[in-house]
Amino acid sequence: MALLFTAVKAKIGNESAEFFIGGEVESEKDFECSTVYQELCDRADGSELEADMTVYEYGEGEKYVASFAELAYLTLRMENTPNFLESRCNKISEKQMSFDLNDGAMTM
């Protein structure tokens, strides 16, 4: 079993945050499940989100979207092993996304 997740570096105006989302981010709706994203929106003064994203898999075999509990476990592993992503996970893809927080217009 391989856990699929996305590492996100997001910026709105002068505020930024790094967080993980289960699965591969396809649209702005995928961000809504993240409390870190919600907190970033609450404190930011801009109206456009810019995100650099890297999709990873942890493990081998059939891919499953990482749950909140699995993301918490992976985050703990990353805190205890600084090169965890590079040494234990396979990079699947990298992409950038931006969208207007007011109207949802997205570019990738």
N, C-alpha and C. Protein backbone atom coordinates (compact mmCIF):
# COMPACT_ATOMS: atom_id res chain seq x y z
N MET A 1 0.84 -1.17 0.00
CA MET A 1 0.00 0.00 0.00
C MET A 1 0.89 1.24 0.00
N ALA A 2 0.57 2.19 -0.87
CA ALA A 2 1.31 3.45 -0.94
C ALA A 2 0.35 4.59 -0.59
N LEU A 3 0.80 5.47 0.29
CA LEU A 3 0.00 6.63 0.67
C LEU A 3 0.36 7.79 -0.25
N LEU A 4 -0.64 8.39 -0.84
CA LEU A 4 -0.47 9.50 -1.77
C LEU A 4 -0.82 10.80 -1.05
N PHE A 5 0.08 11.78 -1.13
CA PHE A 5 -0.15 13.06 -0.49
C PHE A 5 0.59 14.16 -1.22
N THR A 6 0.17 15.42 -0.97
CA THR A 6 0.77 16.57 -1.61
C THR A 6 1.36 17.50 -0.56
N ALA A 7 2.62 17.88 -0.74
CA ALA A 7 3.27 18.89 0.09
C ALA A 7 3.02 20.23 -0.58
N VAL A 8 2.44 21.18 0.18
CA VAL A 8 2.04 22.47 -0.37
C VAL A 8 2.81 23.60 0.30
N LYS A 9 3.33 24.51 -0.51
CA LYS A 9 3.89 25.77 -0.03
C LYS A 9 3.01 26.85 -0.62
N ALA A 10 2.18 27.47 0.23
CA ALA A 10 1.19 28.42 -0.24
C ALA A 10 1.51 29.83 0.23
N LYS A 11 1.13 30.81 -0.58
CA LYS A 11 1.35 32.21 -0.25
C LYS A 11 0.12 33.01 -0.65
N ILE A 12 -0.31 33.87 0.27
CA ILE A 12 -1.37 34.84 0.00
C ILE A 12 -0.83 36.18 0.49
N GLY A 13 -0.65 37.13 -0.42
CA GLY A 13 -0.08 38.41 -0.04
C GLY A 13 1.29 38.22 0.59
N ASN A 14 1.49 38.73 1.80
CA ASN A 14 2.77 38.60 2.51
C ASN A 14 2.80 37.40 3.45
N GLU A 15 1.72 36.66 3.53
CA GLU A 15 1.64 35.50 4.43
C GLU A 15 1.89 34.21 3.66
N SER A 16 2.53 33.25 4.34
CA SER A 16 2.78 31.96 3.70
C SER A 16 2.62 30.83 4.72
N ALA A 17 2.47 29.61 4.20
CA ALA A 17 2.33 28.44 5.06
C ALA A 17 2.72 27.20 4.27
N GLU A 18 3.17 26.19 4.98
CA GLU A 18 3.47 24.89 4.39
C GLU A 18 2.60 23.86 5.08
N PHE A 19 2.00 22.96 4.28
CA PHE A 19 1.12 21.95 4.84
C PHE A 19 0.97 20.79 3.86
N PHE A 20 0.27 19.75 4.30
CA PHE A 20 0.07 18.55 3.50
C PHE A 20 -1.41 18.33 3.27
N ILE A 21 -1.72 17.80 2.10
CA ILE A 21 -3.09 17.45 1.75
C ILE A 21 -3.06 16.01 1.25
N GLY A 22 -4.02 15.21 1.68
CA GLY A 22 -4.11 13.83 1.22
C GLY A 22 -4.45 13.78 -0.25
N GLY A 23 -3.79 12.90 -0.98
CA GLY A 23 -4.04 12.74 -2.40
C GLY A 23 -3.29 13.77 -3.23
N GLU A 24 -3.71 13.88 -4.47
CA GLU A 24 -3.10 14.85 -5.39
C GLU A 24 -4.07 16.01 -5.58
N VAL A 25 -3.59 17.22 -5.38
CA VAL A 25 -4.43 18.40 -5.50
C VAL A 25 -4.81 18.61 -6.97
N GLU A 26 -6.12 18.68 -7.21
CA GLU A 26 -6.64 18.87 -8.57
C GLU A 26 -7.27 20.25 -8.75
N SER A 27 -7.81 20.82 -7.65
CA SER A 27 -8.50 22.11 -7.76
C SER A 27 -8.44 22.84 -6.43
N GLU A 28 -8.93 24.07 -6.42
CA GLU A 28 -8.93 24.86 -5.19
C GLU A 28 -9.80 24.22 -4.11
N LYS A 29 -10.77 23.41 -4.48
CA LYS A 29 -11.63 22.74 -3.50
C LYS A 29 -10.83 21.77 -2.62
N ASP A 30 -9.73 21.24 -3.13
CA ASP A 30 -8.90 20.31 -2.37
C ASP A 30 -8.24 20.98 -1.17
N PHE A 31 -8.11 22.30 -1.21
CA PHE A 31 -7.49 23.04 -0.11
C PHE A 31 -8.43 23.17 1.09
N GLU A 32 -9.72 23.11 0.85
CA GLU A 32 -10.71 23.40 1.88
C GLU A 32 -10.63 22.48 3.09
N CYS A 33 -10.07 21.29 2.93
CA CYS A 33 -9.98 20.34 4.04
C CYS A 33 -8.84 20.67 5.01
N SER A 34 -7.99 21.62 4.66
CA SER A 34 -6.82 21.94 5.47
C SER A 34 -7.08 23.10 6.42
N THR A 35 -6.90 22.84 7.71
CA THR A 35 -7.05 23.93 8.69
C THR A 35 -5.93 24.95 8.56
N VAL A 36 -4.74 24.51 8.14
CA VAL A 36 -3.62 25.45 7.94
C VAL A 36 -3.97 26.41 6.81
N TYR A 37 -4.58 25.90 5.75
CA TYR A 37 -5.03 26.75 4.65
C TYR A 37 -6.07 27.75 5.13
N GLN A 38 -7.04 27.28 5.91
CA GLN A 38 -8.09 28.17 6.43
C GLN A 38 -7.49 29.27 7.30
N GLU A 39 -6.52 28.90 8.15
CA GLU A 39 -5.86 29.89 9.00
C GLU A 39 -5.07 30.90 8.15
N LEU A 40 -4.42 30.43 7.10
CA LEU A 40 -3.70 31.32 6.19
C LEU A 40 -4.67 32.33 5.56
N CYS A 41 -5.81 31.86 5.10
CA CYS A 41 -6.81 32.76 4.50
C CYS A 41 -7.30 33.78 5.52
N ASP A 42 -7.47 33.36 6.76
CA ASP A 42 -7.97 34.26 7.80
C ASP A 42 -7.00 35.38 8.13
N ARG A 43 -5.70 35.11 8.09
CA ARG A 43 -4.73 36.13 8.49
C ARG A 43 -4.13 36.90 7.31
N ALA A 44 -4.35 36.43 6.10
CA ALA A 44 -3.73 37.06 4.92
C ALA A 44 -4.55 38.27 4.45
N ASP A 45 -3.83 39.22 3.84
CA ASP A 45 -4.50 40.42 3.35
C ASP A 45 -4.65 40.42 1.83
N GLY A 46 -4.19 39.41 1.15
CA GLY A 46 -4.28 39.35 -0.31
C GLY A 46 -5.53 38.62 -0.77
N SER A 47 -5.73 38.61 -2.07
CA SER A 47 -6.89 37.93 -2.63
C SER A 47 -6.52 36.81 -3.58
N GLU A 48 -5.21 36.58 -3.78
CA GLU A 48 -4.77 35.52 -4.68
C GLU A 48 -3.86 34.54 -3.95
N LEU A 49 -4.15 33.27 -4.10
CA LEU A 49 -3.31 32.22 -3.53
C LEU A 49 -2.37 31.72 -4.62
N GLU A 50 -1.09 31.60 -4.28
CA GLU A 50 -0.10 30.99 -5.15
C GLU A 50 0.47 29.79 -4.40
N ALA A 51 0.53 28.65 -5.07
CA ALA A 51 0.99 27.43 -4.39
C ALA A 51 1.97 26.65 -5.26
N ASP A 52 3.07 26.22 -4.64
CA ASP A 52 3.99 25.26 -5.23
C ASP A 52 3.70 23.93 -4.56
N MET A 53 3.49 22.90 -5.35
CA MET A 53 3.07 21.61 -4.79
C MET A 53 3.93 20.47 -5.33
N THR A 54 4.22 19.53 -4.45
CA THR A 54 4.92 18.32 -4.83
C THR A 54 4.11 17.14 -4.35
N VAL A 55 3.81 16.23 -5.27
CA VAL A 55 3.03 15.05 -4.94
C VAL A 55 4.01 13.91 -4.64
N TYR A 56 3.76 13.21 -3.52
CA TYR A 56 4.61 12.11 -3.08
C TYR A 56 3.78 10.86 -2.83
N GLU A 57 4.48 9.73 -2.85
CA GLU A 57 3.89 8.50 -2.36
C GLU A 57 4.84 7.91 -1.32
N TYR A 58 4.25 7.36 -0.28
CA TYR A 58 5.01 6.72 0.79
C TYR A 58 4.60 5.26 0.83
N GLY A 59 5.54 4.39 0.55
CA GLY A 59 5.25 2.96 0.49
C GLY A 59 5.20 2.49 -0.95
N GLU A 60 4.78 1.24 -1.12
CA GLU A 60 4.74 0.64 -2.45
C GLU A 60 3.40 -0.04 -2.65
N GLY A 61 3.07 -0.29 -3.90
CA GLY A 61 1.84 -0.99 -4.21
C GLY A 61 0.73 -0.05 -4.60
N GLU A 62 -0.50 -0.52 -4.41
CA GLU A 62 -1.67 0.27 -4.78
C GLU A 62 -1.70 1.58 -4.00
N LYS A 63 -2.05 2.66 -4.70
CA LYS A 63 -2.03 3.99 -4.08
C LYS A 63 -3.37 4.29 -3.41
N TYR A 64 -3.28 4.84 -2.20
CA TYR A 64 -4.44 5.28 -1.44
C TYR A 64 -4.22 6.73 -1.02
N VAL A 65 -5.29 7.51 -0.97
CA VAL A 65 -5.21 8.88 -0.50
C VAL A 65 -4.92 8.85 1.00
N ALA A 66 -3.88 9.56 1.43
CA ALA A 66 -3.53 9.62 2.85
C ALA A 66 -4.64 10.31 3.64
N SER A 67 -5.04 9.68 4.75
CA SER A 67 -6.08 10.24 5.62
C SER A 67 -5.47 11.31 6.53
N PHE A 68 -6.32 12.00 7.29
CA PHE A 68 -5.82 13.00 8.24
C PHE A 68 -4.88 12.35 9.25
N ALA A 69 -5.24 11.17 9.74
CA ALA A 69 -4.40 10.47 10.72
C ALA A 69 -3.06 10.08 10.10
N GLU A 70 -3.08 9.62 8.87
CA GLU A 70 -1.84 9.24 8.19
C GLU A 70 -0.98 10.47 7.90
N LEU A 71 -1.60 11.59 7.55
CA LEU A 71 -0.85 12.82 7.36
C LEU A 71 -0.19 13.28 8.66
N ALA A 72 -0.90 13.11 9.78
CA ALA A 72 -0.32 13.46 11.09
C ALA A 72 0.88 12.57 11.39
N TYR A 73 0.76 11.28 11.10
CA TYR A 73 1.88 10.35 11.30
C TYR A 73 3.07 10.74 10.41
N LEU A 74 2.80 11.02 9.14
CA LEU A 74 3.88 11.40 8.23
C LEU A 74 4.54 12.71 8.66
N THR A 75 3.74 13.65 9.15
CA THR A 75 4.29 14.92 9.65
C THR A 75 5.22 14.66 10.82
N LEU A 76 4.83 13.79 11.72
CA LEU A 76 5.69 13.44 12.86
C LEU A 76 6.98 12.80 12.38
N ARG A 77 6.88 11.90 11.42
CA ARG A 77 8.09 11.28 10.85
C ARG A 77 9.00 12.34 10.23
N MET A 78 8.42 13.33 9.55
CA MET A 78 9.22 14.38 8.92
C MET A 78 9.89 15.27 9.95
N GLU A 79 9.23 15.51 11.07
CA GLU A 79 9.82 16.31 12.14
C GLU A 79 11.00 15.58 12.78
N ASN A 80 10.92 14.27 12.88
CA ASN A 80 11.98 13.48 13.51
C ASN A 80 13.09 13.08 12.55
N THR A 81 12.83 13.10 11.25
CA THR A 81 13.81 12.74 10.24
C THR A 81 13.82 13.85 9.19
N PRO A 82 14.76 14.81 9.30
CA PRO A 82 14.76 15.98 8.41
C PRO A 82 14.71 15.67 6.92
N ASN A 83 15.32 14.59 6.47
CA ASN A 83 15.31 14.28 5.04
C ASN A 83 14.30 13.17 4.70
N PHE A 84 13.25 13.07 5.48
CA PHE A 84 12.26 12.00 5.31
C PHE A 84 11.68 11.97 3.90
N LEU A 85 11.25 13.11 3.38
CA LEU A 85 10.65 13.12 2.04
C LEU A 85 11.62 12.61 0.98
N GLU A 86 12.86 13.06 1.06
CA GLU A 86 13.86 12.67 0.06
C GLU A 86 14.30 11.22 0.21
N SER A 87 14.36 10.73 1.44
CA SER A 87 14.91 9.39 1.65
C SER A 87 13.86 8.28 1.72
N ARG A 88 12.62 8.61 2.06
CA ARG A 88 11.60 7.57 2.27
C ARG A 88 10.40 7.64 1.34
N CYS A 89 10.28 8.73 0.59
CA CYS A 89 9.11 8.92 -0.26
C CYS A 89 9.54 9.05 -1.72
N ASN A 90 8.65 8.70 -2.62
CA ASN A 90 8.89 8.85 -4.05
C ASN A 90 8.16 10.09 -4.55
N LYS A 91 8.89 10.97 -5.21
CA LYS A 91 8.29 12.17 -5.79
C LYS A 91 7.57 11.76 -7.07
N ILE A 92 6.28 12.08 -7.14
CA ILE A 92 5.47 11.73 -8.30
C ILE A 92 5.44 12.87 -9.32
N SER A 93 5.19 14.08 -8.83
CA SER A 93 5.12 15.23 -9.75
C SER A 93 5.24 16.53 -8.96
N GLU A 94 5.50 17.60 -9.69
CA GLU A 94 5.54 18.94 -9.13
C GLU A 94 4.65 19.81 -10.00
N LYS A 95 3.96 20.75 -9.37
CA LYS A 95 3.14 21.68 -10.14
C LYS A 95 2.91 22.95 -9.34
N GLN A 96 2.44 23.94 -10.05
CA GLN A 96 2.09 25.23 -9.45
C GLN A 96 0.64 25.52 -9.74
N MET A 97 0.03 26.25 -8.82
CA MET A 97 -1.36 26.62 -8.98
C MET A 97 -1.56 28.01 -8.39
N SER A 98 -2.43 28.77 -8.98
CA SER A 98 -2.84 30.03 -8.37
C SER A 98 -4.32 30.20 -8.63
N PHE A 99 -5.00 30.84 -7.69
CA PHE A 99 -6.41 31.15 -7.89
C PHE A 99 -6.82 32.33 -7.06
N ASP A 100 -7.84 33.01 -7.56
CA ASP A 100 -8.40 34.18 -6.90
C ASP A 100 -9.33 33.68 -5.79
N LEU A 101 -9.10 34.11 -4.58
CA LEU A 101 -9.91 33.66 -3.45
C LEU A 101 -11.33 34.20 -3.52
N ASN A 102 -11.55 35.28 -4.27
CA ASN A 102 -12.87 35.87 -4.35
C ASN A 102 -13.77 35.22 -5.38
N ASP A 103 -13.19 34.82 -6.53
CA ASP A 103 -14.05 34.25 -7.56
C ASP A 103 -13.70 32.81 -7.94
N GLY A 104 -12.63 32.27 -7.37
CA GLY A 104 -12.28 30.87 -7.63
C GLY A 104 -11.62 30.62 -8.97
N ALA A 105 -11.30 31.66 -9.75
CA ALA A 105 -10.63 31.46 -11.03
C ALA A 105 -9.25 30.89 -10.80
N MET A 106 -8.96 29.76 -11.42
CA MET A 106 -7.73 29.03 -11.15
C MET A 106 -6.87 28.92 -12.40
N THR A 107 -5.55 28.97 -12.21
CA THR A 107 -4.60 28.67 -13.29
C THR A 107 -3.60 27.67 -12.77
N MET A 108 -3.19 26.77 -13.63
CA MET A 108 -2.18 25.75 -13.26
C MET A 108 -1.04 25.81 -14.23
